[in-house]
């Protein structure tokens, strides 16, 4: 488990660096009104949530499959509730940045979610061997 989590952490850092580089390039290409001051914090938030979620799921694989399934569903629901809460709260407090924030939040959500699911699938293939 420890080496799988270390591998995921390393891959997540690399993925985040590449994604951050893409965002930095877009910063110089797109108009400034598409970018919000909270974007680096959102990026870090998704990094931490993805890391914590994966760690929880890796620990759950040590138990029975039904335990893993329950933990997976529970973490997914909790993450969605937290994400919706953060999104709604930010949009209520900063109405002028609401649309760019929602767009970046959605894009970060998609990127980090696809990365986490891909990593879980890769990890499950190593368990089957």
Protein backbone atom coordinates (compact mmCIF):
# COMPACT_ATOMS: atom_id res chain seq x y z
CA UNK A 1 0.00 0.00 0.00
CA UNK A 2 2.77 2.42 0.93
CA UNK A 3 4.57 2.12 -2.39
CA UNK A 4 1.28 2.47 -4.31
CA UNK A 5 0.48 5.67 -2.45
CA UNK A 6 4.00 7.01 -2.97
CA UNK A 7 3.73 6.27 -6.68
CA UNK A 8 0.35 8.00 -6.80
CA UNK A 9 1.74 11.01 -4.93
CA UNK A 10 4.65 11.30 -7.36
CA UNK A 11 2.31 10.96 -10.35
CA UNK A 12 -0.10 13.50 -8.86
CA UNK A 13 2.73 16.00 -8.40
CA UNK A 14 3.80 15.48 -12.03
CA UNK A 15 0.20 15.72 -13.26
CA UNK A 16 -0.36 18.88 -11.21
CA UNK A 17 2.86 20.44 -12.50
CA UNK A 18 1.87 19.75 -16.11
CA UNK A 19 -1.66 21.02 -15.52
CA UNK A 20 -0.26 24.10 -13.77
CA UNK A 21 2.04 24.73 -16.72
CA UNK A 22 -0.91 24.51 -19.12
CA UNK A 23 -2.85 26.98 -16.96
CA UNK A 24 0.18 29.29 -16.87
CA UNK A 25 0.43 29.21 -20.66
CA UNK A 26 -3.29 29.94 -20.91
CA UNK A 27 -2.78 32.86 -18.55
CA UNK A 28 -0.59 34.54 -21.16
CA UNK A 29 -2.85 33.63 -24.07
CA UNK A 30 -6.39 34.25 -22.77
CA UNK A 31 -7.79 37.61 -21.65
CA UNK A 32 -7.25 38.41 -17.97
CA UNK A 33 -10.95 38.39 -17.09
CA UNK A 34 -10.97 34.58 -17.49
CA UNK A 35 -8.63 34.24 -14.54
CA UNK A 36 -9.53 34.74 -10.89
CA UNK A 37 -7.34 35.37 -7.85
CA UNK A 38 -8.52 32.16 -6.18
CA UNK A 39 -7.37 29.85 -9.00
CA UNK A 40 -4.12 28.77 -7.24
CA UNK A 41 -6.11 28.00 -4.08
CA UNK A 42 -8.64 25.98 -6.08
CA UNK A 43 -5.77 24.09 -7.67
CA UNK A 44 -4.25 23.29 -4.27
CA UNK A 45 -7.70 22.36 -2.91
CA UNK A 46 -8.23 19.79 -5.67
CA UNK A 47 -4.71 18.45 -5.15
CA UNK A 48 -5.37 17.84 -1.44
CA UNK A 49 -8.85 16.39 -1.94
CA UNK A 50 -7.59 14.01 -4.63
CA UNK A 51 -4.67 12.93 -2.45
CA UNK A 52 -6.89 12.32 0.60
CA UNK A 53 -9.51 10.48 -1.45
CA UNK A 54 -6.98 8.17 -3.06
CA UNK A 55 -5.32 7.42 0.28
CA UNK A 56 -8.70 6.50 1.77
CA UNK A 57 -9.51 4.24 -1.17
CA UNK A 58 -6.11 2.52 -1.13
CA UNK A 59 -6.59 1.75 2.56
CA UNK A 60 -10.03 0.34 1.78
CA UNK A 61 -8.59 -2.10 -0.77
CA UNK A 62 -6.85 -3.91 2.07
CA UNK A 63 -10.27 -5.05 3.29
CA UNK A 64 -13.03 -6.96 1.52
CA UNK A 65 -14.26 -5.77 -1.88
CA UNK A 66 -17.63 -4.72 -0.49
CA UNK A 67 -15.80 -2.51 2.01
CA UNK A 68 -13.89 -0.87 -0.82
CA UNK A 69 -17.11 -0.34 -2.76
CA UNK A 70 -18.81 1.27 0.23
CA UNK A 71 -15.82 3.54 0.90
CA UNK A 72 -15.61 4.50 -2.78
CA UNK A 73 -19.27 5.48 -2.90
CA UNK A 74 -19.04 7.33 0.41
CA UNK A 75 -15.94 9.31 -0.58
CA UNK A 76 -17.50 10.19 -3.92
CA UNK A 77 -20.65 11.51 -2.25
CA UNK A 78 -18.68 13.43 0.38
CA UNK A 79 -16.42 14.97 -2.26
CA UNK A 80 -19.40 16.01 -4.38
CA UNK A 81 -21.12 17.63 -1.40
CA UNK A 82 -17.92 19.47 -0.45
CA UNK A 83 -17.33 20.57 -4.05
CA UNK A 84 -20.89 21.83 -4.45
CA UNK A 85 -20.65 23.60 -1.09
CA UNK A 86 -17.41 25.35 -2.02
CA UNK A 87 -18.76 26.25 -5.45
CA UNK A 88 -22.02 27.71 -4.12
CA UNK A 89 -20.33 29.53 -1.24
CA UNK A 90 -17.72 31.14 -3.48
CA UNK A 91 -20.32 32.11 -6.07
CA UNK A 92 -22.48 33.73 -3.39
CA UNK A 93 -19.60 35.66 -1.87
CA UNK A 94 -17.91 36.70 -5.13
CA UNK A 95 -20.64 37.23 -7.68
CA UNK A 96 -18.44 39.15 -10.11
CA UNK A 97 -16.07 36.14 -10.42
CA UNK A 98 -18.84 33.52 -10.36
CA UNK A 99 -18.72 32.42 -14.00
CA UNK A 100 -14.92 32.18 -14.38
CA UNK A 101 -14.69 30.43 -11.01
CA UNK A 102 -17.35 27.89 -11.98
CA UNK A 103 -15.60 27.24 -15.29
CA UNK A 104 -12.17 26.73 -13.72
CA UNK A 105 -13.66 24.70 -10.87
CA UNK A 106 -15.37 22.39 -13.37
CA UNK A 107 -12.22 21.99 -15.45
CA UNK A 108 -10.11 21.24 -12.39
CA UNK A 109 -12.76 18.80 -11.16
CA UNK A 110 -12.72 16.95 -14.48
CA UNK A 111 -8.93 16.85 -14.68
CA UNK A 112 -8.31 15.63 -11.15
CA UNK A 113 -11.24 13.19 -11.24
CA UNK A 114 -10.05 11.58 -14.48
CA UNK A 115 -6.56 11.32 -13.04
CA UNK A 116 -7.82 9.70 -9.84
CA UNK A 117 -10.03 7.21 -11.68
CA UNK A 118 -7.21 6.32 -14.07
CA UNK A 119 -4.89 5.77 -11.11
CA UNK A 120 -7.45 3.59 -9.33
CA UNK A 121 -7.92 1.46 -12.44
CA UNK A 122 -4.16 1.08 -12.81
CA UNK A 123 -3.86 0.14 -9.14
CA UNK A 124 -6.66 -2.43 -9.41
CA UNK A 125 -4.87 -4.05 -12.35
CA UNK A 126 -1.77 -4.48 -10.22
CA UNK A 127 -3.88 -6.13 -7.51
CA UNK A 128 -5.26 -8.66 -9.99
CA UNK A 129 -1.78 -9.82 -11.04
